[in-house]
Amino acid sequence: MNHLTAQQPSLTSTLSLDGLYVQRLDRSEPLCECVRIAVRFYLNRLGDHPGGDLHGLVMREIERPLIEEVLDFTQGNQSRASAMLGLSRTTLRKKLALYQTLGGDADLSHHQTQD
């Protein structure tokens, strides 16, 4: 295994009738299993502490990279991205503005005005 592979495994995805699968060099799992494992890990680490808005947390963690990747795939074309996501352009723009307001990476900022 080379240095690059050890830090960031090569990922590919395939679409099947059973759903989206994420493949790494060492395994292939459905996306739902990746979410299940991440949520289980989070809950185990949470222990007896009260959690709050777990649904919102998970949705934000999934939705933002989904939007970023689709916008990258469509080279910032919001019309194409909204069609691929099954959202109206207005909804996509609202989500872009929301994630920009919440902070984090500047990844979404260059998609704000492109169409």
C-alpha atoms as a PDB file:
ATOM      1  CA  MET A   1       0.000   0.000   0.000  1.00  0.00           C
ATOM      2  CA  ASN A   2       1.521   3.356  -0.979  1.00  0.00           C
ATOM      3  CA  HIS A   3       1.622   6.511   1.164  1.00  0.00           C
ATOM      4  CA  LEU A   4      -1.279   8.199  -0.660  1.00  0.00           C
ATOM      5  CA  THR A   5      -3.538   5.160  -0.328  1.00  0.00           C
ATOM      6  CA  ALA A   6      -2.843   4.869   3.387  1.00  0.00           C
ATOM      7  CA  GLN A   7      -4.011   8.426   4.028  1.00  0.00           C
ATOM      8  CA  GLN A   8      -6.998   8.580   1.735  1.00  0.00           C
ATOM      9  CA  PRO A   9      -8.357   5.348   0.254  1.00  0.00           C
ATOM     10  CA  SER A  10      -9.487   5.414  -3.332  1.00  0.00           C
ATOM     11  CA  LEU A  11     -13.272   5.678  -3.454  1.00  0.00           C
ATOM     12  CA  THR A  12     -15.623   4.828  -6.263  1.00  0.00           C
ATOM     13  CA  SER A  13     -19.361   4.483  -6.254  1.00  0.00           C
ATOM     14  CA  THR A  14     -21.712   2.312  -8.231  1.00  0.00           C
ATOM     15  CA  LEU A  15     -25.446   2.471  -8.591  1.00  0.00           C
ATOM     16  CA  SER A  16     -27.356  -0.764  -8.401  1.00  0.00           C
ATOM     17  CA  LEU A  17     -30.967  -1.741  -7.954  1.00  0.00           C
ATOM     18  CA  ASP A  18     -30.274  -2.055  -4.226  1.00  0.00           C
ATOM     19  CA  GLY A  19     -28.996   1.535  -3.886  1.00  0.00           C
ATOM     20  CA  LEU A  20     -25.758   3.477  -3.958  1.00  0.00           C
ATOM     21  CA  TYR A  21     -22.661   1.567  -2.903  1.00  0.00           C
ATOM     22  CA  VAL A  22     -19.412   3.155  -1.787  1.00  0.00           C
ATOM     23  CA  GLN A  23     -16.360   1.101  -2.658  1.00  0.00           C
ATOM     24  CA  ARG A  24     -12.964   1.411  -1.041  1.00  0.00           C
ATOM     25  CA  LEU A  25      -9.910  -0.567  -1.895  1.00  0.00           C
ATOM     26  CA  ASP A  26     -10.563  -2.812   1.085  1.00  0.00           C
ATOM     27  CA  ARG A  27     -14.370  -3.125   1.046  1.00  0.00           C
ATOM     28  CA  SER A  28     -17.659  -2.366  -0.670  1.00  0.00           C
ATOM     29  CA  GLU A  29     -20.718  -1.328   1.335  1.00  0.00           C
ATOM     30  CA  PRO A  30     -24.092   0.214   0.571  1.00  0.00           C
ATOM     31  CA  LEU A  31     -24.283   3.899   1.476  1.00  0.00           C
ATOM     32  CA  CYS A  32     -26.984   3.073   4.047  1.00  0.00           C
ATOM     33  CA  GLU A  33     -24.492   0.799   5.859  1.00  0.00           C
ATOM     34  CA  CYS A  34     -21.908   3.585   5.941  1.00  0.00           C
ATOM     35  CA  VAL A  35     -24.521   5.835   7.567  1.00  0.00           C
ATOM     36  CA  ARG A  36     -25.580   3.066   9.964  1.00  0.00           C
ATOM     37  CA  ILE A  37     -21.979   2.497  11.070  1.00  0.00           C
ATOM     38  CA  ALA A  38     -21.335   6.231  11.513  1.00  0.00           C
ATOM     39  CA  VAL A  39     -24.527   6.734  13.558  1.00  0.00           C
ATOM     40  CA  ARG A  40     -23.772   3.677  15.708  1.00  0.00           C
ATOM     41  CA  PHE A  41     -20.262   4.991  16.349  1.00  0.00           C
ATOM     42  CA  TYR A  42     -21.656   8.432  17.264  1.00  0.00           C
ATOM     43  CA  LEU A  43     -24.252   6.957  19.640  1.00  0.00           C
ATOM     44  CA  ASN A  44     -21.692   4.729  21.334  1.00  0.00           C
ATOM     45  CA  ARG A  45     -19.413   7.718  21.898  1.00  0.00           C
ATOM     46  CA  LEU A  46     -22.366   9.787  23.126  1.00  0.00           C
ATOM     47  CA  GLY A  47     -23.032   7.298  25.922  1.00  0.00           C
ATOM     48  CA  ASP A  48     -25.389   8.652  28.572  1.00  0.00           C
ATOM     49  CA  HIS A  49     -25.093  12.278  27.449  1.00  0.00           C
ATOM     50  CA  PRO A  50     -28.323  13.660  26.027  1.00  0.00           C
ATOM     51  CA  GLY A  51     -28.159  14.099  22.298  1.00  0.00           C
ATOM     52  CA  GLY A  52     -29.984  16.834  20.503  1.00  0.00           C
ATOM     53  CA  ASP A  53     -31.253  17.140  16.956  1.00  0.00           C
ATOM     54  CA  LEU A  54     -29.515  13.981  15.789  1.00  0.00           C
ATOM     55  CA  HIS A  55     -31.706  13.928  12.688  1.00  0.00           C
ATOM     56  CA  GLY A  56     -30.699  17.479  11.786  1.00  0.00           C
ATOM     57  CA  LEU A  57     -27.039  16.697  12.413  1.00  0.00           C
ATOM     58  CA  VAL A  58     -27.068  13.646  10.162  1.00  0.00           C
ATOM     59  CA  MET A  59     -29.033  15.420   7.427  1.00  0.00           C
ATOM     60  CA  ARG A  60     -26.577  18.354   7.416  1.00  0.00           C
ATOM     61  CA  GLU A  61     -23.615  15.978   7.364  1.00  0.00           C
ATOM     62  CA  ILE A  62     -25.016  14.169   4.339  1.00  0.00           C
ATOM     63  CA  GLU A  63     -26.726  16.980   2.437  1.00  0.00           C
ATOM     64  CA  ARG A  64     -23.861  19.452   2.239  1.00  0.00           C
ATOM     65  CA  PRO A  65     -21.296  17.084   0.670  1.00  0.00           C
ATOM     66  CA  LEU A  66     -24.040  15.732  -1.609  1.00  0.00           C
ATOM     67  CA  ILE A  67     -24.753  19.239  -2.900  1.00  0.00           C
ATOM     68  CA  GLU A  68     -21.030  20.059  -3.178  1.00  0.00           C
ATOM     69  CA  GLU A  69     -20.279  16.925  -5.178  1.00  0.00           C
ATOM     70  CA  VAL A  70     -23.221  17.381  -7.540  1.00  0.00           C
ATOM     71  CA  LEU A  71     -22.284  21.033  -8.110  1.00  0.00           C
ATOM     72  CA  ASP A  72     -18.690  20.002  -8.803  1.00  0.00           C
ATOM     73  CA  PHE A  73     -19.929  17.303 -11.184  1.00  0.00           C
ATOM     74  CA  THR A  74     -22.102  19.829 -13.038  1.00  0.00           C
ATOM     75  CA  GLN A  75     -19.262  22.371 -13.021  1.00  0.00           C
ATOM     76  CA  GLY A  76     -21.359  24.784 -10.944  1.00  0.00           C
ATOM     77  CA  ASN A  77     -24.427  24.658 -13.176  1.00  0.00           C
ATOM     78  CA  GLN A  78     -27.234  25.088 -10.655  1.00  0.00           C
ATOM     79  CA  SER A  79     -29.956  24.195 -13.151  1.00  0.00           C
ATOM     80  CA  ARG A  80     -28.370  20.817 -13.891  1.00  0.00           C
ATOM     81  CA  ALA A  81     -27.495  20.252 -10.225  1.00  0.00           C
ATOM     82  CA  SER A  82     -31.023  21.011  -9.039  1.00  0.00           C
ATOM     83  CA  ALA A  83     -32.444  18.624 -11.654  1.00  0.00           C
ATOM     84  CA  MET A  84     -30.044  15.865 -10.573  1.00  0.00           C
ATOM     85  CA  LEU A  85     -30.881  16.451  -6.905  1.00  0.00           C
ATOM     86  CA  GLY A  86     -34.622  16.591  -7.527  1.00  0.00           C
ATOM     87  CA  LEU A  87     -34.820  20.101  -6.081  1.00  0.00           C
ATOM     88  CA  SER A  88     -36.033  23.354  -7.538  1.00  0.00           C
ATOM     89  CA  ARG A  89     -33.325  25.919  -8.283  1.00  0.00           C
ATOM     90  CA  THR A  90     -34.865  28.137  -5.614  1.00  0.00           C
ATOM     91  CA  THR A  91     -34.564  25.376  -2.998  1.00  0.00           C
ATOM     92  CA  LEU A  92     -30.978  24.657  -4.052  1.00  0.00           C
ATOM     93  CA  ARG A  93     -30.088  28.342  -3.742  1.00  0.00           C
ATOM     94  CA  LYS A  94     -31.699  28.511  -0.291  1.00  0.00           C
ATOM     95  CA  LYS A  95     -29.666  25.505   0.806  1.00  0.00           C
ATOM     96  CA  LEU A  96     -26.486  27.045  -0.610  1.00  0.00           C
ATOM     97  CA  ALA A  97     -27.183  30.250   1.313  1.00  0.00           C
ATOM     98  CA  LEU A  98     -27.940  28.290   4.499  1.00  0.00           C
ATOM     99  CA  TYR A  99     -24.714  26.295   4.362  1.00  0.00           C
ATOM    100  CA  GLN A 100     -22.759  29.446   3.519  1.00  0.00           C
ATOM    101  CA  THR A 101     -24.272  31.115   6.615  1.00  0.00           C
ATOM    102  CA  LEU A 102     -23.453  28.109   8.811  1.00  0.00           C
ATOM    103  CA  GLY A 103     -19.821  28.514   7.839  1.00  0.00           C
ATOM    104  CA  GLY A 104     -17.240  25.907   7.176  1.00  0.00           C
ATOM    105  CA  ASP A 105     -15.431  25.455   3.883  1.00  0.00           C
ATOM    106  CA  ALA A 106     -15.667  28.014   1.157  1.00  0.00           C
ATOM    107  CA  ASP A 107     -16.555  25.144  -1.192  1.00  0.00           C
ATOM    108  CA  LEU A 108     -20.099  26.383  -1.699  1.00  0.00           C
ATOM    109  CA  SER A 109     -19.232  30.071  -2.184  1.00  0.00           C
ATOM    110  CA  HIS A 110     -18.045  29.649  -5.771  1.00  0.00           C
ATOM    111  CA  HIS A 111     -21.367  28.011  -6.667  1.00  0.00           C
ATOM    112  CA  GLN A 112     -23.517  30.855  -5.361  1.00  0.00           C
ATOM    113  CA  THR A 113     -24.014  32.798  -8.587  1.00  0.00           C
ATOM    114  CA  GLN A 114     -23.248  30.308 -11.343  1.00  0.00           C
ATOM    115  CA  ASP A 115     -26.114  28.903 -13.372  1.00  0.00           C
END
